[in-house]
Amino acid sequence: MLRNGLEPWHLLVVAIVVIVLFGSKKLPEAARGLGKSMRILKSEAKAMKDEGSAHRAGPAAPR
């Protein structure tokens, strides 16, 4: 059934369902909100990665 993964017609069906659920007027607003959420998620993940590497690369604490 899914041995070839997603085919172009799968994406077409998903796009039609999204348009029907959200309507054409609210779709741009939903896309903007999703984009904003993705940017926040990426920046937080990068900050956590940078913070983690700073802890590992920093000098060892005296005991």
N, C-alpha and C. Protein backbone atom coordinates (compact mmCIF):
# COMPACT_ATOMS: atom_id res chain seq x y z
N MET A 1 0.81 -1.18 0.00
CA MET A 1 0.00 0.00 0.00
C MET A 1 0.87 1.26 0.00
N LEU A 2 1.76 1.41 0.97
CA LEU A 2 2.63 2.58 1.02
C LEU A 2 4.08 2.22 0.70
N ARG A 3 4.28 1.23 -0.13
CA ARG A 3 5.66 0.83 -0.40
C ARG A 3 6.41 1.87 -1.22
N ASN A 4 5.73 2.72 -1.96
CA ASN A 4 6.40 3.77 -2.73
C ASN A 4 6.40 5.10 -1.99
N GLY A 5 5.90 5.15 -0.80
CA GLY A 5 5.84 6.41 -0.06
C GLY A 5 4.72 7.29 -0.58
N LEU A 6 4.88 8.57 -0.39
CA LEU A 6 3.86 9.52 -0.83
C LEU A 6 4.00 9.77 -2.33
N GLU A 7 2.91 9.67 -3.00
CA GLU A 7 2.88 9.98 -4.43
C GLU A 7 2.20 11.33 -4.61
N PRO A 8 2.34 11.94 -5.77
CA PRO A 8 1.76 13.28 -5.98
C PRO A 8 0.26 13.35 -5.71
N TRP A 9 -0.47 12.31 -6.01
CA TRP A 9 -1.92 12.37 -5.79
C TRP A 9 -2.26 12.36 -4.30
N HIS A 10 -1.37 11.78 -3.46
CA HIS A 10 -1.58 11.84 -2.02
C HIS A 10 -1.55 13.30 -1.55
N LEU A 11 -0.56 14.04 -2.04
CA LEU A 11 -0.44 15.44 -1.65
C LEU A 11 -1.63 16.26 -2.14
N LEU A 12 -2.15 15.92 -3.30
CA LEU A 12 -3.33 16.61 -3.83
C LEU A 12 -4.54 16.37 -2.92
N VAL A 13 -4.72 15.14 -2.48
CA VAL A 13 -5.84 14.82 -1.59
C VAL A 13 -5.69 15.56 -0.27
N VAL A 14 -4.48 15.59 0.28
CA VAL A 14 -4.24 16.30 1.54
C VAL A 14 -4.53 17.79 1.37
N ALA A 15 -4.10 18.37 0.26
CA ALA A 15 -4.34 19.80 0.00
C ALA A 15 -5.84 20.08 -0.08
N ILE A 16 -6.58 19.23 -0.74
CA ILE A 16 -8.03 19.42 -0.86
C ILE A 16 -8.70 19.33 0.51
N VAL A 17 -8.29 18.37 1.32
CA VAL A 17 -8.86 18.22 2.66
C VAL A 17 -8.56 19.45 3.51
N VAL A 18 -7.34 19.97 3.43
CA VAL A 18 -6.97 21.16 4.21
C VAL A 18 -7.82 22.35 3.78
N ILE A 19 -8.00 22.53 2.48
CA ILE A 19 -8.81 23.65 1.98
C ILE A 19 -10.26 23.52 2.44
N VAL A 20 -10.78 22.30 2.42
CA VAL A 20 -12.16 22.09 2.85
C VAL A 20 -12.30 22.35 4.35
N LEU A 21 -11.34 21.90 5.15
CA LEU A 21 -11.43 22.07 6.60
C LEU A 21 -11.26 23.53 7.03
N PHE A 22 -10.27 24.21 6.48
CA PHE A 22 -9.96 25.56 6.91
C PHE A 22 -10.67 26.63 6.09
N GLY A 23 -11.05 26.33 4.90
CA GLY A 23 -11.65 27.34 4.03
C GLY A 23 -10.57 28.20 3.40
N SER A 24 -10.87 28.76 2.27
CA SER A 24 -9.86 29.52 1.54
C SER A 24 -9.52 30.85 2.22
N LYS A 25 -10.41 31.37 3.04
CA LYS A 25 -10.15 32.66 3.69
C LYS A 25 -9.23 32.51 4.90
N LYS A 26 -9.35 31.43 5.63
CA LYS A 26 -8.54 31.26 6.84
C LYS A 26 -7.23 30.53 6.57
N LEU A 27 -7.05 30.01 5.37
CA LEU A 27 -5.85 29.25 5.05
C LEU A 27 -4.57 30.09 5.16
N PRO A 28 -4.51 31.31 4.62
CA PRO A 28 -3.28 32.11 4.78
C PRO A 28 -2.95 32.41 6.24
N GLU A 29 -3.96 32.66 7.04
CA GLU A 29 -3.74 32.93 8.46
C GLU A 29 -3.19 31.69 9.16
N ALA A 30 -3.73 30.53 8.83
CA ALA A 30 -3.25 29.28 9.42
C ALA A 30 -1.81 29.00 9.00
N ALA A 31 -1.48 29.27 7.74
CA ALA A 31 -0.12 29.06 7.25
C ALA A 31 0.85 30.00 7.95
N ARG A 32 0.45 31.25 8.16
CA ARG A 32 1.30 32.21 8.88
C ARG A 32 1.55 31.73 10.31
N GLY A 33 0.52 31.27 10.96
CA GLY A 33 0.67 30.77 12.33
C GLY A 33 1.58 29.56 12.40
N LEU A 34 1.46 28.67 11.42
CA LEU A 34 2.32 27.49 11.38
C LEU A 34 3.76 27.89 11.14
N GLY A 35 3.98 28.83 10.23
CA GLY A 35 5.34 29.30 9.96
C GLY A 35 5.97 29.95 11.18
N LYS A 36 5.20 30.75 11.89
CA LYS A 36 5.70 31.40 13.10
C LYS A 36 6.06 30.36 14.15
N SER A 37 5.22 29.36 14.31
CA SER A 37 5.49 28.30 15.28
C SER A 37 6.75 27.52 14.92
N MET A 38 6.94 27.27 13.63
CA MET A 38 8.13 26.54 13.19
C MET A 38 9.40 27.36 13.45
N ARG A 39 9.34 28.67 13.20
CA ARG A 39 10.50 29.53 13.47
C ARG A 39 10.84 29.53 14.96
N ILE A 40 9.83 29.60 15.81
CA ILE A 40 10.06 29.58 17.26
C ILE A 40 10.67 28.25 17.67
N LEU A 41 10.13 27.16 17.15
CA LEU A 41 10.65 25.83 17.48
C LEU A 41 12.11 25.69 17.06
N LYS A 42 12.44 26.14 15.85
CA LYS A 42 13.82 26.05 15.37
C LYS A 42 14.76 26.89 16.22
N SER A 43 14.34 28.11 16.57
CA SER A 43 15.22 28.96 17.36
C SER A 43 15.43 28.39 18.76
N GLU A 44 14.39 27.82 19.35
CA GLU A 44 14.53 27.21 20.68
C GLU A 44 15.43 25.98 20.62
N ALA A 45 15.28 25.17 19.58
CA ALA A 45 16.12 23.98 19.43
C ALA A 45 17.58 24.39 19.25
N LYS A 46 17.83 25.44 18.47
CA LYS A 46 19.19 25.92 18.26
C LYS A 46 19.77 26.45 19.56
N ALA A 47 18.97 27.18 20.33
CA ALA A 47 19.44 27.72 21.61
C ALA A 47 19.78 26.59 22.57
N MET A 48 18.97 25.55 22.60
CA MET A 48 19.26 24.41 23.47
C MET A 48 20.53 23.70 23.03
N LYS A 49 20.72 23.57 21.72
CA LYS A 49 21.93 22.92 21.20
C LYS A 49 23.16 23.74 21.54
N ASP A 50 23.08 25.07 21.35
CA ASP A 50 24.21 25.94 21.68
C ASP A 50 24.51 25.91 23.17
N GLU A 51 23.47 25.90 23.99
CA GLU A 51 23.65 25.86 25.44
C GLU A 51 24.29 24.54 25.86
N GLY A 52 23.88 23.45 25.25
CA GLY A 52 24.44 22.14 25.57
C GLY A 52 25.89 22.03 25.17
N SER A 53 26.26 22.58 24.00
CA SER A 53 27.65 22.51 23.56
C SER A 53 28.53 23.44 24.40
N ALA A 54 27.98 24.54 24.91
CA ALA A 54 28.75 25.45 25.76
C ALA A 54 29.07 24.77 27.09
N HIS A 55 28.13 23.98 27.60
CA HIS A 55 28.38 23.27 28.86
C HIS A 55 29.44 22.20 28.68
N ARG A 56 29.43 21.51 27.56
CA ARG A 56 30.41 20.45 27.33
C ARG A 56 31.79 21.02 27.02
N ALA A 57 31.86 22.15 26.32
CA ALA A 57 33.14 22.71 25.91
C ALA A 57 33.77 23.57 26.99
N GLY A 58 33.01 23.96 27.98
CA GLY A 58 33.51 24.84 29.04
C GLY A 58 34.54 24.13 29.91
N PRO A 59 35.27 24.90 30.70
CA PRO A 59 36.27 24.29 31.59
C PRO A 59 35.60 23.45 32.67
N ALA A 60 36.32 22.45 33.10
CA ALA A 60 35.80 21.55 34.12
C ALA A 60 35.73 22.29 35.46
N ALA A 61 34.68 22.06 36.19
CA ALA A 61 34.50 22.70 37.49
C ALA A 61 35.44 22.07 38.51
N PRO A 62 36.07 22.88 39.35
CA PRO A 62 36.96 22.31 40.38
C PRO A 62 36.16 21.53 41.41
N ARG A 63 36.78 20.50 41.94
CA ARG A 63 36.10 19.65 42.93
C ARG A 63 36.67 19.82 44.29
